[in-house]
Amino acid sequence: MKKTTLFVLAILLSAAFSQQAIAQYNFSEDLYYDHPFTYEIGASVGVMNCFTDLGGKNDVGQKYFKDINLDNSQLTGSVFFSINYWYAIGLRVEGTFGTVKANDNTLKNVKPTTYGRYERNLSFKSTINEVMLAVEIHPRYLAKKYDEREKLPRMSPYLMGGIGYFGFKPQAMLNGKWVDLKPLHTEGQGFTEYPDRKPYKLKQLNIPLGIGIKYKLTPLCNVSLECVSRLLSTDYLDDVSTEYIDQGLFARYLSGDQLTNALILNDRQKELDPSHVTNVGWQRGNSNKNDSYFTVNLKMSLIF
């Protein structure tokens, strides 16, 4: 009798919870279809990579993804909050954190094709901390009328773009330690002898542009796959942009460890060829195009 009573009680509780779950699902469906504004909070994980003067694949450097070295991809993550209007247009605030790096040494196997990029022998890494304000546009949802909202597709490709503010700090490995490159003025930035080479700022604006595809996993949960590239106004993400300078100038502006590090990290070609001589004005980087970085992220968000 006791067991029978417990069994009946279990059935009744199960039924009650099932009805509650159905009611909650219906409520979420009503929320999804009938309210013009919804909100999302979520996080993402993925990879971050960059396009700079260093590393690459081959030749003198190709455009964008033709010159990408996938081995340089680093783990990245983000957190975000969005306000959506009928799921067609969203305004998103997002913080992204990661690392970028590149190394001319990766070109060793194709060095005959690199026209001196491998022999340049420079490398860098930099942490990236970014906050962005972006607009997300879903063309498939924009095309839906209000009375068709209940037929919204689960999957929606979208475009996004906005403005970001990011911090970076290029460093190079020397004698087992990471050395900050900006204080070394490796290309004469800020030297009176080079008035056109201004010191670069470690916190700057960028323009994120991207594409993605969002899938409604449940009425209260979305997953997305997104690729975003950042257009930068600097060519010094990797501390490389223009030409080699007269190394004798470093002693006028630097001293101690900074002077020693600048003399080594300005020109590392002798590490591969001790007999190499670099002339002042020889190309060190390509200032005709700015650096950039991008992310590919898997995002998950909760709707409320």
Foldseek 3Di string as FASTA:
>chain_A
DVVVVVVVVVVVVVVVVVVVVVVVQVVLLCVLQPDQKWKKKWKWKFWKEKFAQAAFEFAQDDPDPNGGDVVFIWIKMKIKMWIGGSNFKIKMKMKIKIKYKHWLCVCVVHVVGHVCRNLQGAMKMKIKIKIWIKMKGFVQSVPDDSVCSSVDAQKTKIKMKGKMKMFMFIWGDDPNDTDTDLVLCLAVAPPPVCVVRHRDDRIDMWMKIWIKMWGCPGSFKIKMKIKIKIADPANCNNDFAFWGADLVCSVVPDDDPSNVVSSCNSGPSCVVPVVDDDDGRHGGGHNPGHMMMMIIIIMMITMD
